[in-house]
């Protein structure tokens, strides 16, 4: 069984929020989710980073830790991990067959996301994990992950206006959906929210009598160095390294540390040393990540919504001011850049807020290459080029290219400023697929 082909059969059922279908499948599988203690993580941005920090730290504390995240970048197996190791292809194939056998023929078919989510619950139960870190797929209240009545803790990382077509037109509507993961009496850990969203979340917390921890960003310590690439932060009295880049990691890491503190209050044994080591070893690819293309440093990031684009823009602007690329795994010292301009290689899905993303990123003097997002509902690069020209008419140049590799070649060989690939996690995933072939064609 080929996993892509198998799951493609369920893709035709689209995205339909609701718990009835997955509850029916899980019941036929003897309710594996009832045997998996979880930390449930929702939010517009930051969910994946928080899950990465939590999974890594709990692994360092010698627990058997499941992690379920979405979407994947290259392979379906990335979504389901135990102690940072993805499920094997053969095991995932077997798990999915078991899920399919539990689908009742006279009931509505589950969606693709519901099938893979049921597979994650089944795998974690079979493997008897001590704890699983579960990322919400879309929204919260009606998301397929929201089937556990008593999570160990629930986390809401951030809220901004995304997926409003499904979650509601206002921040208050979206907040109500995200707050749907909160459960009576279960601890809630919440990051900084816009006032309208916070009011809704706070009201729900009060209704459910949830012990709540309102989290502030960690403090960035003065030991940080552009030359060494080291970032150190302080939160909840613990000083720890920050391997993930960008200012938003101050709040993401603080949310993870706060959640670990809540678990410690409930007799989970998580020493400070495990938190420090876990934070240091956390990995979350495709999010403000330095890679190489043709031996040139390249920054990649999903930046698939306005809030994520603003976070990327903050990081890029810090490099513009420094006129240098920090030390990365590919260069042992910081690399000077000749000017403050950026060469952007971008592609976006048709459903995204293109204008807001451009406004968060583009500056006068920048160069822009627009490409399609392969195998997805991509925005037309010509349309995006026209929009970018209207939003930032002082661009030095803008062009469209049907091939991502060719666009990247043209961008990095220009020899000017920074080169950044962004606009879609699916585009970043496609890049990672072609990168190894391009770097080693033999």
Protein backbone atom coordinates (compact mmCIF):
# COMPACT_ATOMS: atom_id res chain seq x y z
CA UNK A 1 0.00 0.00 0.00
CA UNK A 2 1.35 3.41 -1.00
CA UNK A 3 0.43 5.96 1.70
CA UNK A 4 -0.13 8.95 -0.59
CA UNK A 5 -2.48 6.97 -2.82
CA UNK A 6 -4.32 5.51 0.15
CA UNK A 7 -4.94 8.87 1.82
CA UNK A 8 -5.77 10.54 -1.49
CA UNK A 9 -8.93 8.41 -1.59
CA UNK A 10 -10.18 10.30 1.47
CA UNK A 11 -9.10 13.72 0.24
CA UNK A 12 -12.20 13.93 -1.94
CA UNK A 13 -14.33 14.23 1.19
CA UNK A 14 -12.74 17.64 1.79
CA UNK A 15 -12.53 19.47 5.12
CA UNK A 16 -15.64 19.02 7.22
CA UNK A 17 -15.35 20.02 10.86
CA UNK A 18 -17.18 17.84 13.35
CA UNK A 19 -16.53 15.02 15.80
CA UNK A 20 -19.18 12.47 14.88
CA UNK A 21 -17.20 10.68 12.15
CA UNK A 22 -13.93 10.29 14.05
CA UNK A 23 -15.76 9.31 17.23
CA UNK A 24 -17.45 6.49 15.29
CA UNK A 25 -14.11 5.28 13.93
CA UNK A 26 -12.41 5.49 17.33
CA UNK A 27 -15.29 3.61 18.96
CA UNK A 28 -14.83 0.81 16.42
CA UNK A 29 -11.13 0.78 17.35
CA UNK A 30 -12.01 0.40 21.06
CA UNK A 31 -11.44 4.08 21.85
CA UNK A 32 -7.63 4.23 21.82
CA UNK A 33 -7.69 7.95 22.68
CA UNK A 34 -9.01 7.11 26.15
CA UNK A 35 -5.68 5.38 26.86
CA UNK A 36 -3.46 8.32 25.87
CA UNK A 37 -2.79 11.18 28.34
CA UNK A 38 -2.35 14.34 26.28
CA UNK A 39 -1.34 17.97 26.19
CA UNK A 40 -3.58 19.66 23.62
CA UNK A 41 -2.20 22.68 21.72
CA UNK A 42 -4.29 25.15 19.69
CA UNK A 43 -3.60 28.59 18.21
CA UNK A 44 -3.16 30.43 14.95
CA UNK A 45 0.64 30.37 14.99
CA UNK A 46 3.24 28.82 17.26
CA UNK A 47 1.48 25.49 17.80
CA UNK A 48 4.16 23.43 16.10
CA UNK A 49 7.04 25.13 17.90
CA UNK A 50 5.37 24.65 21.28
CA UNK A 51 4.77 20.98 20.46
CA UNK A 52 8.42 20.60 19.42
CA UNK A 53 9.68 22.11 22.68
CA UNK A 54 7.31 20.02 24.80
CA UNK A 55 8.07 16.76 23.04
CA UNK A 56 11.82 17.32 23.23
CA UNK A 57 11.82 18.27 26.93
CA UNK A 58 9.55 15.39 27.96
CA UNK A 59 11.76 13.01 25.99
CA UNK A 60 14.78 14.31 27.90
CA UNK A 61 12.85 13.64 31.10
CA UNK A 62 12.80 9.93 30.11
CA UNK A 63 9.12 9.71 29.23
CA UNK A 64 7.77 7.85 26.22
CA UNK A 65 6.36 10.80 24.29
CA UNK A 66 4.03 10.82 21.31
CA UNK A 67 3.75 13.89 19.11
CA UNK A 68 1.09 14.55 16.48
CA UNK A 69 1.39 17.61 14.25
CA UNK A 70 0.21 18.83 10.85
CA UNK A 71 0.79 19.46 8.05
CA UNK A 72 3.89 17.50 7.10
CA UNK A 73 6.58 19.02 4.90
CA UNK A 74 7.87 16.02 2.94
CA UNK A 75 6.38 12.76 4.22
CA UNK A 76 3.23 11.70 6.08
CA UNK A 77 5.35 9.91 8.68
CA UNK A 78 6.53 13.30 10.02
CA UNK A 79 3.12 13.84 11.62
CA UNK A 80 3.32 10.94 14.06
CA UNK A 81 6.43 10.63 16.23
CA UNK A 82 7.52 8.90 19.42
CA UNK A 83 10.51 10.39 21.23
CA UNK A 84 11.26 12.56 18.22
CA UNK A 85 11.38 9.59 15.82
CA UNK A 86 8.80 9.47 13.01
CA UNK A 87 6.65 6.40 12.63
CA UNK A 88 8.08 4.01 10.04
CA UNK A 89 6.43 3.81 6.64
CA UNK A 90 5.60 0.14 7.13
CA UNK A 91 4.03 0.76 10.54
CA UNK A 92 1.99 3.70 9.27
CA UNK A 93 0.73 1.57 6.40
CA UNK A 94 -0.43 -1.10 8.86
CA UNK A 95 -2.03 1.46 11.18
CA UNK A 96 -3.97 3.06 8.31
CA UNK A 97 -5.26 -0.33 7.18
CA UNK A 98 -6.52 -0.95 10.71
CA UNK A 99 -8.27 2.41 10.68
CA UNK A 100 -9.87 1.69 7.31
CA UNK A 101 -11.19 -1.63 8.56
CA UNK A 102 -12.93 0.24 11.40
CA UNK A 103 -14.82 2.56 9.03
CA UNK A 104 -18.43 1.44 8.96
CA UNK A 105 -19.72 1.14 5.37
CA UNK A 106 -23.17 2.50 6.24
CA UNK A 107 -21.77 5.64 7.94
CA UNK A 108 -20.43 8.90 6.39
CA UNK A 109 -16.80 8.49 5.41
CA UNK A 110 -14.21 10.24 7.56
CA UNK A 111 -12.06 12.92 5.97
CA UNK A 112 -8.39 12.51 5.18
CA UNK A 113 -7.38 14.40 8.34
CA UNK A 114 -9.73 12.29 10.45
CA UNK A 115 -8.20 9.08 9.08
CA UNK A 116 -4.61 10.10 9.85
CA UNK A 117 -5.67 11.47 13.25
CA UNK A 118 -7.37 8.19 14.15
CA UNK A 119 -4.16 6.47 13.10
CA UNK A 120 -2.16 8.63 15.49
CA UNK A 121 -4.45 7.79 18.42
CA UNK A 122 -4.26 4.09 17.59
CA UNK A 123 -0.46 4.09 17.28
CA UNK A 124 0.09 5.98 20.53
CA UNK A 125 -2.23 3.63 22.39
CA UNK A 126 -0.57 0.54 20.94
CA UNK A 127 2.86 1.91 21.84
CA UNK A 128 1.68 2.79 25.35
CA UNK A 129 3.11 6.28 25.37
CA UNK A 130 3.28 8.01 28.73
CA UNK A 131 2.04 11.24 27.23
CA UNK A 132 1.23 12.65 23.79
CA UNK A 133 1.54 16.24 22.60
CA UNK A 134 -1.33 16.81 20.18
CA UNK A 135 -1.55 19.78 17.81
CA UNK A 136 -4.98 20.96 16.69
CA UNK A 137 -5.41 20.78 12.93
CA UNK A 138 -7.99 23.53 12.32
CA UNK A 139 -9.82 25.60 14.91
CA UNK A 140 -10.32 23.50 18.01
CA UNK A 141 -13.92 22.89 19.07
CA UNK A 142 -14.79 20.67 16.09
CA UNK A 143 -11.28 19.54 15.19
CA UNK A 144 -10.69 15.79 14.96
CA UNK A 145 -8.10 15.98 17.75
CA UNK A 146 -10.68 17.32 20.21
CA UNK A 147 -12.03 13.97 21.40
CA UNK A 148 -10.39 13.74 24.85
CA UNK A 149 -12.49 14.80 27.84
CA UNK A 150 -9.64 15.14 30.34
CA UNK A 151 -6.40 16.44 28.83
CA UNK A 152 -3.51 16.98 31.22
CA UNK A 153 -3.29 20.56 29.99
CA UNK A 154 -4.59 22.71 27.15
CA UNK A 155 -2.51 25.40 25.46
CA UNK A 156 -3.67 28.33 23.32
CA UNK A 157 -0.62 29.92 21.73
CA UNK A 158 -1.95 32.88 19.72
CA UNK A 159 -4.98 34.12 17.83
CA UNK A 160 -5.24 36.05 14.61
CA UNK A 161 -7.60 36.14 11.65
CA UNK A 162 -7.01 32.98 9.63
CA UNK A 163 -9.38 30.31 8.27
CA UNK A 164 -12.14 32.82 8.94
CA UNK A 165 -14.20 31.20 6.17
CA UNK A 166 -14.61 28.16 8.45
CA UNK A 167 -14.09 29.58 11.94
CA UNK A 168 -16.03 32.84 11.69
CA UNK A 169 -15.36 36.37 10.46
CA UNK A 170 -14.19 38.01 13.70
CA UNK A 171 -11.41 37.38 16.21
CA UNK A 172 -14.08 36.72 18.81
CA UNK A 173 -15.59 33.99 16.60
CA UNK A 174 -12.19 32.41 16.03
CA UNK A 175 -11.36 32.63 19.73
CA UNK A 176 -14.57 30.77 20.54
CA UNK A 177 -13.51 27.92 18.26
CA UNK A 178 -9.98 27.76 19.69
CA UNK A 179 -11.35 27.87 23.25
CA UNK A 180 -13.36 24.76 22.39
CA UNK A 181 -10.39 22.63 23.45
CA UNK A 182 -10.74 23.80 27.06
CA UNK A 183 -12.26 21.22 29.39
CA UNK A 184 -13.87 21.52 32.84
CA UNK A 185 -11.26 21.84 35.57
CA UNK A 186 -8.33 21.14 33.23
CA UNK A 187 -5.34 23.50 33.39
CA UNK A 188 -5.14 26.11 30.62
CA UNK A 189 -1.93 27.81 29.49
CA UNK A 190 -2.56 30.86 27.31
CA UNK A 191 -0.29 33.25 25.45
CA UNK A 192 -0.87 36.96 24.77
CA UNK A 193 -4.09 37.48 22.81
CA UNK A 194 -5.81 40.46 21.19
CA UNK A 195 -8.34 42.02 23.63
CA UNK A 196 -11.45 40.74 21.80
CA UNK A 197 -10.05 37.22 21.68
CA UNK A 198 -8.83 37.26 25.27
CA UNK A 199 -12.27 38.26 26.53
CA UNK A 200 -13.84 35.22 24.86
CA UNK A 201 -11.15 32.81 26.07
CA UNK A 202 -11.25 34.22 29.60
CA UNK A 203 -15.03 33.88 29.73
CA UNK A 204 -14.78 30.23 28.70
CA UNK A 205 -12.05 29.57 31.26
CA UNK A 206 -14.25 31.03 33.99
CA UNK A 207 -17.27 29.00 32.87
CA UNK A 208 -15.27 25.77 33.01
CA UNK A 209 -13.35 26.66 36.20
CA UNK A 210 -10.02 25.97 34.52
CA UNK A 211 -6.86 26.78 36.49
CA UNK A 212 -5.18 29.23 34.11
CA UNK A 213 -1.63 30.41 33.50
CA UNK A 214 -1.38 33.60 31.44
CA UNK A 215 2.06 33.52 29.87
CA UNK A 216 4.35 36.42 29.03
CA UNK A 217 7.30 36.18 26.61
CA UNK A 218 10.60 34.91 27.97
CA UNK A 219 13.38 37.44 28.50
CA UNK A 220 16.12 37.47 25.89
CA UNK A 221 19.42 37.37 27.75
CA UNK A 222 22.32 39.69 26.84
CA UNK A 223 24.63 36.72 26.16
CA UNK A 224 23.18 36.36 22.66
CA UNK A 225 25.66 36.71 19.81
CA UNK A 226 25.25 37.18 16.06
CA UNK A 227 28.73 35.72 15.56
CA UNK A 228 28.12 32.48 17.45
CA UNK A 229 24.43 32.18 16.64
CA UNK A 230 23.64 31.50 20.29
CA UNK A 231 20.30 32.61 21.71
CA UNK A 232 19.56 32.35 25.41
CA UNK A 233 16.27 33.03 27.15
CA UNK A 234 14.92 33.12 30.69
CA UNK A 235 11.43 32.03 31.70
CA UNK A 236 10.00 30.73 34.98
CA UNK A 237 13.44 31.02 36.56
CA UNK A 238 15.05 28.69 34.00
CA UNK A 239 17.77 29.85 31.60
CA UNK A 240 17.76 27.87 28.36
CA UNK A 241 19.05 27.96 24.77
CA UNK A 242 16.73 28.85 21.89
CA UNK A 243 17.63 26.92 18.75
CA UNK A 244 14.51 28.08 16.89
CA UNK A 245 14.81 31.55 15.39
CA UNK A 246 12.61 34.62 15.52
CA UNK A 247 11.24 36.88 18.24
CA UNK A 248 8.04 34.81 18.50
CA UNK A 249 10.10 31.98 20.03
CA UNK A 250 10.28 34.00 23.23
CA UNK A 251 6.56 33.45 23.75
CA UNK A 252 6.48 29.96 22.22
CA UNK A 253 9.27 28.72 24.48
CA UNK A 254 7.71 30.40 27.53
CA UNK A 255 4.40 28.65 26.79
CA UNK A 256 6.21 25.31 26.66
CA UNK A 257 8.08 25.96 29.93
CA UNK A 258 4.84 27.08 31.62
CA UNK A 259 3.13 23.87 30.48
CA UNK A 260 5.99 21.79 31.83
CA UNK A 261 5.66 23.64 35.15
CA UNK A 262 1.95 22.72 35.25
CA UNK A 263 2.81 19.07 34.63
CA UNK A 264 5.38 19.21 37.42
CA UNK A 265 2.67 20.47 39.78
CA UNK A 266 0.78 17.26 38.94
CA UNK A 267 3.67 15.00 39.91
CA UNK A 268 5.36 14.65 36.55
CA UNK A 269 9.10 14.36 37.09
CA UNK A 270 10.68 16.94 34.77
CA UNK A 271 13.97 18.30 36.13
CA UNK A 272 15.30 21.67 35.05
CA UNK A 273 18.13 19.89 33.25
CA UNK A 274 15.63 18.06 31.04
CA UNK A 275 13.93 21.35 30.17
CA UNK A 276 17.25 23.01 29.29
CA UNK A 277 18.46 20.07 27.22
CA UNK A 278 15.07 19.59 25.61
CA UNK A 279 14.82 23.21 24.57
CA UNK A 280 18.35 23.06 23.15
CA UNK A 281 17.57 20.02 21.02
CA UNK A 282 14.12 21.05 19.77
CA UNK A 283 13.73 21.04 15.99
CA UNK A 284 10.90 22.41 13.88
CA UNK A 285 11.95 22.45 10.21
CA UNK A 286 10.67 24.94 7.67
CA UNK A 287 10.08 27.76 10.13
CA UNK A 288 12.71 30.53 9.96
CA UNK A 289 15.35 27.95 9.10
CA UNK A 290 18.70 28.44 7.42
CA UNK A 291 19.57 25.99 4.65
CA UNK A 292 21.89 25.98 1.66
CA UNK A 293 21.05 26.27 -2.02
CA UNK A 294 23.95 25.91 -4.49
CA UNK A 295 26.31 26.65 -1.56
CA UNK A 296 24.52 29.93 -0.85
CA UNK A 297 22.75 30.54 2.50
CA UNK A 298 18.98 30.54 2.06
CA UNK A 299 16.35 31.40 4.67
CA UNK A 300 13.12 29.39 4.42
CA UNK A 301 9.83 29.91 6.25
CA UNK A 302 6.18 29.11 5.69
CA UNK A 303 4.92 32.66 6.40
CA UNK A 304 1.54 31.40 5.22
CA UNK A 305 -0.62 33.95 7.04
CA UNK A 306 -0.24 37.62 8.02
CA UNK A 307 0.85 36.92 11.61
CA UNK A 308 3.50 34.43 10.47
CA UNK A 309 4.65 36.87 7.78
CA UNK A 310 4.99 39.61 10.39
CA UNK A 311 7.14 37.31 12.52
CA UNK A 312 9.36 36.51 9.54
CA UNK A 313 9.49 40.20 8.64
CA UNK A 314 10.73 41.07 12.14
CA UNK A 315 13.55 38.54 11.85
CA UNK A 316 14.52 39.62 8.35
CA UNK A 317 14.51 43.28 9.38
CA UNK A 318 16.94 42.48 12.19
CA UNK A 319 19.29 41.06 9.55
CA UNK A 320 18.77 44.09 7.33
CA UNK A 321 19.90 46.33 10.18
CA UNK A 322 22.84 44.10 11.07
CA UNK A 323 23.82 43.77 7.38
CA UNK A 324 24.90 40.23 8.17
CA UNK A 325 23.69 36.65 8.14
CA UNK A 326 24.31 34.98 11.53
CA UNK A 327 26.36 31.87 11.99
CA UNK A 328 24.35 28.87 10.78
CA UNK A 329 25.06 25.14 10.50
CA UNK A 330 26.39 25.98 7.02
CA UNK A 331 28.71 28.90 7.82
CA UNK A 332 30.98 29.03 10.87
CA UNK A 333 30.87 32.80 11.24
CA UNK A 334 28.44 35.55 10.37
CA UNK A 335 28.42 36.55 6.70
CA UNK A 336 28.27 40.19 5.67
CA UNK A 337 25.66 41.17 3.12
CA UNK A 338 26.26 44.09 0.75
CA UNK A 339 23.04 45.99 1.34
CA UNK A 340 19.75 45.88 3.21
CA UNK A 341 17.66 44.58 0.34
CA UNK A 342 16.08 41.15 0.19
CA UNK A 343 15.42 38.80 -2.72
CA UNK A 344 12.13 37.05 -2.06
CA UNK A 345 11.09 33.80 -3.74
CA UNK A 346 7.42 33.37 -2.94
CA UNK A 347 4.40 31.25 -3.73
CA UNK A 348 1.04 31.25 -1.98
CA UNK A 349 -2.16 29.27 -1.92
CA UNK A 350 -5.19 30.86 -3.56
CA UNK A 351 -7.05 31.00 -0.22
CA UNK A 352 -4.53 33.14 1.67
CA UNK A 353 -4.46 36.87 2.48
CA UNK A 354 -1.95 37.82 -0.20
CA UNK A 355 -2.07 41.58 0.37
CA UNK A 356 -1.41 41.38 4.10
CA UNK A 357 1.48 38.96 3.59
CA UNK A 358 3.10 41.22 1.00
CA UNK A 359 2.64 44.25 3.23
CA UNK A 360 4.38 42.48 6.09
CA UNK A 361 7.42 41.54 4.01
CA UNK A 362 8.16 43.69 0.98
CA UNK A 363 10.24 46.88 1.20
CA UNK A 364 11.56 49.34 -1.41
CA UNK A 365 14.61 48.00 -3.23
CA UNK A 366 13.69 44.35 -2.73
CA UNK A 367 13.50 41.85 -5.57
CA UNK A 368 10.66 39.38 -5.97
CA UNK A 369 10.32 36.06 -7.81
CA UNK A 370 6.85 34.52 -7.78
CA UNK A 371 6.31 30.80 -8.33
CA UNK A 372 3.36 28.39 -8.20
CA UNK A 373 2.87 26.03 -5.26
CA UNK A 374 3.07 22.59 -6.91
CA UNK A 375 0.21 20.12 -6.42
CA UNK A 376 -1.98 22.55 -4.49
CA UNK A 377 -4.53 25.28 -5.16
CA UNK A 378 -1.90 27.88 -5.97
CA UNK A 379 -2.46 31.59 -6.46
CA UNK A 380 -1.58 32.69 -9.99
CA UNK A 381 1.98 34.12 -9.96
CA UNK A 382 1.00 36.76 -12.56
CA UNK A 383 -1.85 37.92 -10.34
CA UNK A 384 0.48 38.02 -7.35
CA UNK A 385 3.06 40.00 -9.33
CA UNK A 386 0.47 42.63 -10.20
CA UNK A 387 -0.66 42.82 -6.58
CA UNK A 388 2.91 43.10 -5.28
CA UNK A 389 3.63 45.94 -7.70
CA UNK A 390 0.61 47.86 -6.41
CA UNK A 391 1.50 47.27 -2.75
CA UNK A 392 5.21 48.05 -3.10
CA UNK A 393 5.82 49.98 -6.34
CA UNK A 394 9.42 50.71 -5.28
CA UNK A 395 10.50 47.08 -5.75
CA UNK A 396 13.72 46.89 -7.71
CA UNK A 397 12.33 44.05 -9.79
CA UNK A 398 9.63 41.41 -9.83
CA UNK A 399 9.28 38.38 -12.05
CA UNK A 400 7.38 35.12 -12.34
CA UNK A 401 8.89 31.70 -12.86
CA UNK A 402 7.20 28.36 -13.39
CA UNK A 403 10.01 26.38 -11.77
CA UNK A 404 11.07 26.83 -8.15
CA UNK A 405 14.62 25.60 -8.71
CA UNK A 406 15.18 28.04 -11.56
CA UNK A 407 13.77 30.91 -9.50
CA UNK A 408 16.10 30.08 -6.61
CA UNK A 409 19.10 29.89 -8.97
CA UNK A 410 18.33 33.33 -10.34
CA UNK A 411 17.81 34.69 -6.83
CA UNK A 412 20.96 33.41 -5.16
CA UNK A 413 23.23 34.12 -8.13
CA UNK A 414 22.14 37.77 -8.12
CA UNK A 415 24.63 38.21 -5.31
CA UNK A 416 22.60 40.90 -3.57
CA UNK A 417 21.37 40.95 0.00
CA UNK A 418 19.45 38.11 1.61
CA UNK A 419 17.51 35.42 -0.22
CA UNK A 420 14.30 34.20 1.42
CA UNK A 421 11.90 31.46 0.29
CA UNK A 422 8.45 31.76 1.86
CA UNK A 423 4.69 32.08 1.42
CA UNK A 424 3.49 28.51 1.92
CA UNK A 425 4.47 25.53 4.06
CA UNK A 426 3.62 23.37 1.05
CA UNK A 427 6.13 25.33 -1.03
CA UNK A 428 8.76 24.89 1.68
CA UNK A 429 8.00 21.17 1.73
CA UNK A 430 8.40 20.98 -2.03
CA UNK A 431 11.75 22.78 -1.72
CA UNK A 432 12.97 20.26 0.85
CA UNK A 433 12.02 17.44 -1.52
CA UNK A 434 14.04 18.87 -4.40
CA UNK A 435 16.93 20.19 -2.32
CA UNK A 436 18.87 16.94 -1.93
CA UNK A 437 18.58 16.15 -5.63
CA UNK A 438 19.72 19.63 -6.61
CA UNK A 439 22.67 19.58 -4.22
CA UNK A 440 23.75 16.06 -5.23
CA UNK A 441 22.48 15.26 -8.74
CA UNK A 442 24.51 12.04 -8.86
